Amino acid sequence: MKKWIQQPALILLLGSLCFGACGKDNDDDKQKTNTEKITLAAWKYDKAEIDTDKNGTPDAPVPSGVVEACEADNTITFKTDNTGVVDEGASKCETSDPQSSGFTWAFKNNETIINFPTAIITNVDGDVIVKSITETSMVLSKEITFPPLGNYTVFLTLKH
């Protein structure tokens, strides 16, 4: 009687392992490219930090006024055709500014650098380093001059 109980349990265990391991292959299982991640949804400002000791990691918030409240409520949408839209959000920096404006962008260096020919927010133009990107968070870095303090690397974190 003991063998009869153990054999079906063994068969069920092997069967469940086989069905679990033999699941269908789908697109969710493969690693998304940075282009796929960046174009999933609109990005929103999360935080901006500065590398004050110049060791490559952020260690302090950016000085007050660097990111204005009217910019912090913007959304940035990247499209797969290397265009995008910045929406001003609820508050505009200038009332005469359009609610949304287009921009172009391009990945460089195996999707580790994004080039913005024009600024998408203050001081975010030219080549910007992609420090990390997931489906819900993106950290960009760029060296920026803060007169009279000098040059510092700024880390901009965006989220969905």
N, C-alpha and C. Protein backbone atom coordinates (compact mmCIF):
# COMPACT_ATOMS: atom_id res chain seq x y z
N MET A 1 0.83 -1.19 0.00
CA MET A 1 0.00 0.00 0.00
C MET A 1 0.87 1.26 0.00
N LYS A 2 1.99 1.21 0.68
CA LYS A 2 2.87 2.36 0.77
C LYS A 2 3.44 2.73 -0.61
N LYS A 3 3.83 1.74 -1.43
CA LYS A 3 4.37 2.01 -2.76
C LYS A 3 3.32 2.64 -3.65
N TRP A 4 2.08 2.22 -3.53
CA TRP A 4 1.01 2.76 -4.37
C TRP A 4 0.81 4.25 -4.10
N ILE A 5 0.90 4.67 -2.86
CA ILE A 5 0.75 6.07 -2.49
C ILE A 5 1.96 6.87 -2.96
N GLN A 6 3.16 6.33 -2.84
CA GLN A 6 4.37 7.06 -3.22
C GLN A 6 4.49 7.22 -4.72
N GLN A 7 4.10 6.24 -5.50
CA GLN A 7 4.24 6.33 -6.96
C GLN A 7 3.36 7.43 -7.55
N PRO A 8 2.08 7.53 -7.20
CA PRO A 8 1.29 8.64 -7.75
C PRO A 8 1.84 9.99 -7.30
N ALA A 9 2.33 10.09 -6.08
CA ALA A 9 2.89 11.36 -5.62
C ALA A 9 4.13 11.71 -6.44
N LEU A 10 4.95 10.71 -6.74
CA LEU A 10 6.14 10.94 -7.56
C LEU A 10 5.75 11.34 -8.98
N ILE A 11 4.74 10.69 -9.53
CA ILE A 11 4.28 11.02 -10.89
C ILE A 11 3.72 12.44 -10.92
N LEU A 12 2.93 12.82 -9.92
CA LEU A 12 2.39 14.19 -9.85
C LEU A 12 3.51 15.21 -9.73
N LEU A 13 4.51 14.92 -8.91
CA LEU A 13 5.62 15.84 -8.73
C LEU A 13 6.40 16.02 -10.04
N LEU A 14 6.72 14.91 -10.71
CA LEU A 14 7.43 14.99 -11.99
C LEU A 14 6.60 15.69 -13.04
N GLY A 15 5.32 15.41 -13.06
CA GLY A 15 4.43 16.04 -14.04
C GLY A 15 4.36 17.55 -13.83
N SER A 16 4.26 17.99 -12.59
CA SER A 16 4.17 19.42 -12.33
C SER A 16 5.48 20.12 -12.67
N LEU A 17 6.61 19.46 -12.43
CA LEU A 17 7.89 20.04 -12.81
C LEU A 17 8.00 20.18 -14.32
N CYS A 18 7.55 19.18 -15.03
CA CYS A 18 7.61 19.22 -16.49
C CYS A 18 6.73 20.33 -17.04
N PHE A 19 5.50 20.42 -16.52
CA PHE A 19 4.59 21.46 -17.03
C PHE A 19 5.08 22.85 -16.65
N GLY A 20 5.68 22.98 -15.47
CA GLY A 20 6.22 24.27 -15.06
C GLY A 20 7.40 24.67 -15.90
N ALA A 21 8.26 23.72 -16.22
CA ALA A 21 9.46 24.01 -17.00
C ALA A 21 9.15 24.12 -18.48
N CYS A 22 8.05 23.53 -18.91
CA CYS A 22 7.71 23.53 -20.33
C CYS A 22 6.67 24.58 -20.66
N GLY A 23 6.58 25.63 -19.85
CA GLY A 23 5.61 26.69 -20.12
C GLY A 23 5.91 27.34 -21.45
N LYS A 24 4.90 27.97 -22.04
CA LYS A 24 5.11 28.59 -23.34
C LYS A 24 6.04 29.78 -23.24
N ASP A 25 6.84 29.98 -24.26
CA ASP A 25 7.77 31.09 -24.32
C ASP A 25 7.00 32.31 -24.79
N ASN A 26 7.11 33.42 -24.08
CA ASN A 26 6.43 34.62 -24.53
C ASN A 26 7.34 35.82 -24.40
N ASP A 27 6.90 36.98 -24.90
CA ASP A 27 7.71 38.18 -24.93
C ASP A 27 8.01 38.73 -23.54
N ASP A 28 7.17 38.41 -22.53
CA ASP A 28 7.41 38.91 -21.19
C ASP A 28 8.67 38.30 -20.58
N ASP A 29 9.06 37.11 -21.08
CA ASP A 29 10.22 36.42 -20.53
C ASP A 29 11.54 36.97 -21.04
N LYS A 30 11.57 37.66 -22.16
CA LYS A 30 12.84 38.16 -22.69
C LYS A 30 13.14 39.55 -22.13
N GLN A 31 14.40 39.88 -22.07
CA GLN A 31 14.84 41.17 -21.55
C GLN A 31 14.46 42.28 -22.53
N LYS A 32 13.84 43.32 -22.02
CA LYS A 32 13.47 44.46 -22.86
C LYS A 32 14.70 45.33 -23.11
N THR A 33 14.75 45.93 -24.28
CA THR A 33 15.82 46.87 -24.59
C THR A 33 15.52 48.19 -23.90
N ASN A 34 16.51 49.07 -23.83
CA ASN A 34 16.27 50.39 -23.24
C ASN A 34 15.26 51.18 -24.07
N THR A 35 15.26 50.98 -25.39
CA THR A 35 14.27 51.65 -26.23
C THR A 35 12.87 51.19 -25.85
N GLU A 36 12.69 49.91 -25.62
CA GLU A 36 11.38 49.40 -25.21
C GLU A 36 10.98 49.95 -23.84
N LYS A 37 11.93 50.02 -22.92
CA LYS A 37 11.63 50.51 -21.58
C LYS A 37 11.28 52.01 -21.58
N ILE A 38 12.06 52.78 -22.34
CA ILE A 38 11.88 54.24 -22.31
C ILE A 38 10.57 54.67 -22.97
N THR A 39 10.06 53.83 -23.88
CA THR A 39 8.85 54.19 -24.62
C THR A 39 7.58 53.56 -24.06
N LEU A 40 7.65 52.92 -22.91
CA LEU A 40 6.48 52.24 -22.33
C LEU A 40 5.38 53.21 -21.93
N ALA A 41 5.73 54.31 -21.28
CA ALA A 41 4.73 55.26 -20.76
C ALA A 41 5.41 56.60 -20.50
N ALA A 42 4.61 57.60 -20.17
CA ALA A 42 5.14 58.93 -19.87
C ALA A 42 5.95 58.90 -18.58
N TRP A 43 7.04 59.65 -18.55
CA TRP A 43 7.91 59.75 -17.39
C TRP A 43 7.61 61.02 -16.62
N LYS A 44 7.74 60.95 -15.29
CA LYS A 44 7.52 62.10 -14.42
C LYS A 44 8.76 62.32 -13.57
N TYR A 45 8.99 63.57 -13.21
CA TYR A 45 10.10 63.93 -12.34
C TYR A 45 9.94 63.25 -10.99
N ASP A 46 11.03 62.69 -10.48
CA ASP A 46 11.03 62.12 -9.14
C ASP A 46 11.96 62.93 -8.23
N LYS A 47 13.23 63.04 -8.63
CA LYS A 47 14.18 63.82 -7.84
C LYS A 47 15.40 64.16 -8.67
N ALA A 48 16.15 65.15 -8.19
CA ALA A 48 17.42 65.52 -8.81
C ALA A 48 18.45 65.64 -7.69
N GLU A 49 19.59 65.02 -7.90
CA GLU A 49 20.65 65.02 -6.90
C GLU A 49 21.96 65.43 -7.55
N ILE A 50 22.91 65.77 -6.72
CA ILE A 50 24.20 66.23 -7.21
C ILE A 50 25.32 65.42 -6.54
N ASP A 51 26.39 65.24 -7.28
CA ASP A 51 27.57 64.54 -6.77
C ASP A 51 28.56 65.58 -6.28
N THR A 52 28.44 65.99 -5.01
CA THR A 52 29.27 67.08 -4.48
C THR A 52 30.72 66.67 -4.25
N ASP A 53 30.96 65.39 -3.91
CA ASP A 53 32.34 64.97 -3.65
C ASP A 53 33.00 64.36 -4.89
N LYS A 54 32.27 64.38 -6.01
CA LYS A 54 32.79 63.95 -7.32
C LYS A 54 33.33 62.52 -7.31
N ASN A 55 32.58 61.61 -6.65
CA ASN A 55 32.97 60.21 -6.63
C ASN A 55 32.09 59.34 -7.54
N GLY A 56 31.19 59.97 -8.30
CA GLY A 56 30.37 59.23 -9.25
C GLY A 56 29.00 58.82 -8.74
N THR A 57 28.69 59.16 -7.49
CA THR A 57 27.38 58.83 -6.94
C THR A 57 26.74 60.10 -6.34
N PRO A 58 25.42 60.19 -6.43
CA PRO A 58 24.75 61.38 -5.86
C PRO A 58 24.81 61.37 -4.34
N ASP A 59 24.99 62.56 -3.75
CA ASP A 59 25.05 62.63 -2.30
C ASP A 59 24.35 63.84 -1.70
N ALA A 60 23.69 64.66 -2.52
CA ALA A 60 22.96 65.81 -2.00
C ALA A 60 21.90 66.23 -3.02
N PRO A 61 20.81 66.84 -2.56
CA PRO A 61 19.83 67.35 -3.52
C PRO A 61 20.43 68.52 -4.30
N VAL A 62 19.91 68.75 -5.50
CA VAL A 62 20.41 69.89 -6.29
C VAL A 62 20.06 71.18 -5.55
N PRO A 63 20.83 72.24 -5.80
CA PRO A 63 20.52 73.51 -5.13
C PRO A 63 19.10 73.98 -5.45
N SER A 64 18.51 74.65 -4.49
CA SER A 64 17.16 75.16 -4.64
C SER A 64 17.04 76.03 -5.90
N GLY A 65 15.97 75.83 -6.63
CA GLY A 65 15.72 76.62 -7.83
C GLY A 65 16.25 76.02 -9.11
N VAL A 66 17.09 74.98 -9.02
CA VAL A 66 17.62 74.36 -10.24
C VAL A 66 16.48 73.68 -11.01
N VAL A 67 15.65 72.93 -10.30
CA VAL A 67 14.46 72.35 -10.92
C VAL A 67 13.27 73.11 -10.35
N GLU A 68 12.65 73.91 -11.19
CA GLU A 68 11.50 74.71 -10.75
C GLU A 68 10.26 73.83 -10.63
N ALA A 69 9.34 74.23 -9.77
CA ALA A 69 8.09 73.49 -9.57
C ALA A 69 7.32 73.35 -10.88
N CYS A 70 7.41 74.37 -11.72
CA CYS A 70 6.69 74.32 -13.01
C CYS A 70 7.31 73.29 -13.96
N GLU A 71 8.55 72.87 -13.72
CA GLU A 71 9.17 71.81 -14.50
C GLU A 71 8.94 70.44 -13.86
N ALA A 72 8.87 70.42 -12.54
CA ALA A 72 8.75 69.15 -11.81
C ALA A 72 7.42 68.46 -12.07
N ASP A 73 6.40 69.18 -12.53
CA ASP A 73 5.11 68.54 -12.81
C ASP A 73 4.96 68.16 -14.28
N ASN A 74 6.00 68.36 -15.07
CA ASN A 74 5.96 67.98 -16.49
C ASN A 74 5.98 66.47 -16.67
N THR A 75 5.46 66.01 -17.79
CA THR A 75 5.63 64.61 -18.18
C THR A 75 6.41 64.59 -19.49
N ILE A 76 7.21 63.54 -19.64
CA ILE A 76 8.03 63.38 -20.83
C ILE A 76 7.70 62.04 -21.45
N THR A 77 7.25 62.06 -22.69
CA THR A 77 6.89 60.83 -23.39
C THR A 77 7.85 60.60 -24.54
N PHE A 78 8.50 59.46 -24.54
CA PHE A 78 9.41 59.07 -25.61
C PHE A 78 8.66 58.15 -26.56
N LYS A 79 8.81 58.38 -27.86
CA LYS A 79 8.18 57.53 -28.86
C LYS A 79 9.25 56.71 -29.58
N THR A 80 8.84 55.58 -30.13
CA THR A 80 9.80 54.68 -30.79
C THR A 80 10.41 55.27 -32.06
N ASP A 81 9.81 56.32 -32.62
CA ASP A 81 10.37 56.94 -33.83
C ASP A 81 11.37 58.05 -33.51
N ASN A 82 11.90 58.06 -32.27
CA ASN A 82 12.89 59.02 -31.81
C ASN A 82 12.37 60.46 -31.73
N THR A 83 11.07 60.57 -31.50
CA THR A 83 10.48 61.86 -31.18
C THR A 83 9.88 61.73 -29.79
N GLY A 84 9.43 62.83 -29.26
CA GLY A 84 8.82 62.79 -27.95
C GLY A 84 8.00 64.04 -27.71
N VAL A 85 7.30 64.05 -26.57
CA VAL A 85 6.47 65.18 -26.20
C VAL A 85 6.69 65.50 -24.72
N VAL A 86 6.94 66.78 -24.44
CA VAL A 86 6.97 67.26 -23.07
C VAL A 86 5.66 67.98 -22.81
N ASP A 87 4.92 67.51 -21.82
CA ASP A 87 3.67 68.17 -21.44
C ASP A 87 3.95 69.00 -20.19
N GLU A 88 3.50 70.25 -20.20
CA GLU A 88 3.79 71.20 -19.12
C GLU A 88 3.14 70.86 -17.79
N GLY A 89 2.19 69.95 -17.77
CA GLY A 89 1.53 69.63 -16.51
C GLY A 89 0.59 70.75 -16.08
N ALA A 90 0.25 70.76 -14.80
CA ALA A 90 -0.72 71.72 -14.29
C ALA A 90 -0.17 73.14 -14.22
N SER A 91 1.13 73.29 -13.97
CA SER A 91 1.70 74.64 -13.88
C SER A 91 2.73 74.85 -14.99
N LYS A 92 2.61 75.99 -15.64
CA LYS A 92 3.56 76.36 -16.69
C LYS A 92 4.55 77.37 -16.13
N CYS A 93 5.77 77.31 -16.64
CA CYS A 93 6.77 78.29 -16.23
C CYS A 93 6.45 79.66 -16.83
N GLU A 94 5.96 79.63 -18.03
CA GLU A 94 5.52 80.86 -18.73
C GLU A 94 4.12 80.61 -19.24
N THR A 95 3.18 81.48 -18.89
CA THR A 95 1.79 81.26 -19.30
C THR A 95 1.63 81.22 -20.81
N SER A 96 2.53 81.87 -21.53
CA SER A 96 2.43 81.89 -22.99
C SER A 96 3.00 80.62 -23.64
N ASP A 97 3.68 79.77 -22.85
CA ASP A 97 4.23 78.53 -23.40
C ASP A 97 3.10 77.59 -23.81
N PRO A 98 3.33 76.81 -24.87
CA PRO A 98 2.32 75.82 -25.24
C PRO A 98 2.20 74.73 -24.16
N GLN A 99 1.05 74.09 -24.08
CA GLN A 99 0.85 73.03 -23.09
C GLN A 99 1.81 71.86 -23.35
N SER A 100 2.07 71.57 -24.62
CA SER A 100 3.00 70.49 -24.94
C SER A 100 3.89 70.91 -26.10
N SER A 101 5.09 70.34 -26.11
CA SER A 101 6.02 70.62 -27.20
C SER A 101 6.79 69.36 -27.53
N GLY A 102 7.15 69.25 -28.78
CA GLY A 102 7.86 68.07 -29.26
C GLY A 102 9.36 68.19 -29.12
N PHE A 103 10.02 67.06 -29.14
CA PHE A 103 11.48 67.03 -29.12
C PHE A 103 11.93 65.78 -29.88
N THR A 104 13.22 65.74 -30.18
CA THR A 104 13.80 64.55 -30.78
C THR A 104 14.86 64.02 -29.83
N TRP A 105 15.14 62.75 -29.96
CA TRP A 105 16.12 62.09 -29.11
C TRP A 105 16.71 60.92 -29.88
N ALA A 106 17.87 60.47 -29.46
CA ALA A 106 18.50 59.30 -30.07
C ALA A 106 19.42 58.63 -29.06
N PHE A 107 19.35 57.31 -29.02
CA PHE A 107 20.30 56.57 -28.19
C PHE A 107 21.64 56.50 -28.91
N LYS A 108 22.70 56.49 -28.12
CA LYS A 108 24.05 56.31 -28.63
C LYS A 108 24.75 55.29 -27.75
N ASN A 109 25.85 54.75 -28.25
CA ASN A 109 26.72 53.88 -27.45
C ASN A 109 25.96 52.73 -26.78
N ASN A 110 25.30 51.91 -27.60
CA ASN A 110 24.54 50.76 -27.10
C ASN A 110 23.48 51.12 -26.08
N GLU A 111 22.75 52.19 -26.35
CA GLU A 111 21.64 52.65 -25.51
C GLU A 111 22.07 53.05 -24.11
N THR A 112 23.30 53.56 -23.97
CA THR A 112 23.78 54.02 -22.66
C THR A 112 23.85 55.54 -22.58
N ILE A 113 23.64 56.21 -23.70
CA ILE A 113 23.63 57.67 -23.76
C ILE A 113 22.41 58.08 -24.59
N ILE A 114 21.70 59.10 -24.11
CA ILE A 114 20.61 59.68 -24.90
C ILE A 114 21.06 61.06 -25.33
N ASN A 115 20.91 61.36 -26.62
CA ASN A 115 21.23 62.69 -27.12
C ASN A 115 19.94 63.45 -27.36
N PHE A 116 19.87 64.64 -26.76
CA PHE A 116 18.75 65.56 -26.96
C PHE A 116 19.29 66.79 -27.67
N PRO A 117 18.96 67.01 -28.96
CA PRO A 117 19.44 68.21 -29.65
C PRO A 117 18.99 69.51 -28.99
N THR A 118 17.81 69.49 -28.36
CA THR A 118 17.33 70.65 -27.61
C THR A 118 16.94 70.20 -26.20
N ALA A 119 16.98 71.12 -25.26
CA ALA A 119 16.71 70.78 -23.86
C ALA A 119 15.27 70.32 -23.66
N ILE A 120 15.10 69.21 -22.93
CA ILE A 120 13.75 68.75 -22.58
C ILE A 120 13.31 69.38 -21.26
N ILE A 121 14.26 69.67 -20.37
CA ILE A 121 14.06 70.53 -19.21
C ILE A 121 15.37 71.30 -19.05
N THR A 122 15.39 72.28 -18.19
CA THR A 122 16.57 73.13 -18.04
C THR A 122 17.83 72.28 -17.85
N ASN A 123 18.84 72.56 -18.65
CA ASN A 123 20.17 71.92 -18.61
C ASN A 123 20.18 70.45 -19.03
N VAL A 124 19.08 69.91 -19.50
CA VAL A 124 19.07 68.52 -19.97
C VAL A 124 18.99 68.54 -21.50
N ASP A 125 20.17 68.66 -22.09
CA ASP A 125 20.29 68.62 -23.55
C ASP A 125 21.66 68.03 -23.88
N GLY A 126 21.88 67.81 -25.18
CA GLY A 126 23.14 67.18 -25.59
C GLY A 126 23.17 65.74 -25.15
N ASP A 127 24.36 65.22 -24.90
CA ASP A 127 24.52 63.83 -24.46
C ASP A 127 24.26 63.71 -22.96
N VAL A 128 23.36 62.79 -22.61
CA VAL A 128 22.99 62.53 -21.22
C VAL A 128 23.21 61.04 -20.97
N ILE A 129 23.91 60.71 -19.91
CA ILE A 129 24.23 59.31 -19.61
C ILE A 129 23.05 58.63 -18.93
N VAL A 130 22.73 57.43 -19.40
CA VAL A 130 21.70 56.61 -18.78
C VAL A 130 22.39 55.76 -17.71
N LYS A 131 22.23 56.15 -16.44
CA LYS A 131 22.85 55.41 -15.34
C LYS A 131 22.12 54.10 -15.08
N SER A 132 20.79 54.16 -15.15
CA SER A 132 19.98 52.94 -14.98
C SER A 132 18.61 53.19 -15.58
N ILE A 133 18.00 52.10 -16.02
CA ILE A 133 16.64 52.20 -16.54
C ILE A 133 15.94 50.86 -16.33
N THR A 134 14.76 50.95 -15.77
CA THR A 134 13.89 49.79 -15.62
C THR A 134 12.56 50.17 -16.26
N GLU A 135 11.58 49.33 -16.11
CA GLU A 135 10.27 49.65 -16.68
C GLU A 135 9.56 50.74 -15.88
N THR A 136 10.04 51.08 -14.68
CA THR A 136 9.36 52.08 -13.86
C THR A 136 10.25 53.23 -13.38
N SER A 137 11.55 53.16 -13.60
CA SER A 137 12.46 54.19 -13.12
C SER A 137 13.62 54.38 -14.09
N MET A 138 14.04 55.62 -14.22
CA MET A 138 15.18 55.93 -15.08
C MET A 138 16.04 56.99 -14.38
N VAL A 139 17.35 56.74 -14.33
CA VAL A 139 18.28 57.70 -13.74
C VAL A 139 19.22 58.16 -14.85
N LEU A 140 19.24 59.47 -15.06
CA LEU A 140 20.10 60.09 -16.06
C LEU A 140 21.13 60.94 -15.35
N SER A 141 22.31 61.10 -15.96
CA SER A 141 23.31 61.98 -15.36
C SER A 141 23.94 62.86 -16.43
N LYS A 142 24.30 64.06 -15.99
CA LYS A 142 24.92 65.02 -16.89
C LYS A 142 25.73 66.00 -16.05
N GLU A 143 26.89 66.37 -16.57
CA GLU A 143 27.69 67.39 -15.89
C GLU A 143 27.12 68.76 -16.22
N ILE A 144 26.88 69.54 -15.18
CA ILE A 144 26.27 70.86 -15.33
C ILE A 144 27.09 71.87 -14.54
N THR A 145 27.19 73.08 -15.06
CA THR A 145 27.90 74.15 -14.37
C THR A 145 26.92 74.93 -13.50
N PHE A 146 27.30 75.10 -12.23
CA PHE A 146 26.53 75.90 -11.29
C PHE A 146 27.36 77.12 -10.90
N PRO A 147 27.15 78.25 -11.60
CA PRO A 147 27.93 79.44 -11.24
C PRO A 147 27.56 79.89 -9.82
N PRO A 148 28.44 80.29 -9.02
CA PRO A 148 29.89 80.32 -9.15
C PRO A 148 30.55 79.05 -8.59
N LEU A 149 29.77 78.00 -8.35
CA LEU A 149 30.29 76.79 -7.70
C LEU A 149 31.17 75.92 -8.59
N GLY A 150 30.90 75.90 -9.88
CA GLY A 150 31.68 75.07 -10.80
C GLY A 150 30.86 73.95 -11.40
N ASN A 151 31.55 72.94 -11.94
CA ASN A 151 30.91 71.82 -12.61
C ASN A 151 30.63 70.68 -11.64
N TYR A 152 29.44 70.13 -11.75
CA TYR A 152 29.05 68.98 -10.93
C TYR A 152 28.18 68.06 -11.78
N THR A 153 28.22 66.77 -11.46
CA THR A 153 27.35 65.82 -12.12
C THR A 153 26.01 65.82 -11.40
N VAL A 154 24.95 65.96 -12.20
CA VAL A 154 23.59 65.93 -11.67
C VAL A 154 22.95 64.62 -12.06
N PHE A 155 22.22 64.01 -11.14
CA PHE A 155 21.49 62.77 -11.39
C PHE A 155 20.01 63.10 -11.35
N LEU A 156 19.34 62.87 -12.46
CA LEU A 156 17.90 63.14 -12.58
C LEU A 156 17.18 61.80 -12.59
N THR A 157 16.28 61.62 -11.63
CA THR A 157 15.50 60.38 -11.57
C THR A 157 14.08 60.66 -12.03
N LEU A 158 13.65 59.87 -13.01
CA LEU A 158 12.29 59.95 -13.54
C LEU A 158 11.58 58.64 -13.23
N LYS A 159 10.27 58.69 -13.14
CA LYS A 159 9.50 57.48 -12.83
C LYS A 159 8.21 57.45 -13.64
N HIS A 160 7.57 56.30 -13.66
CA HIS A 160 6.25 56.17 -14.27
C HIS A 160 5.23 56.31 -13.18
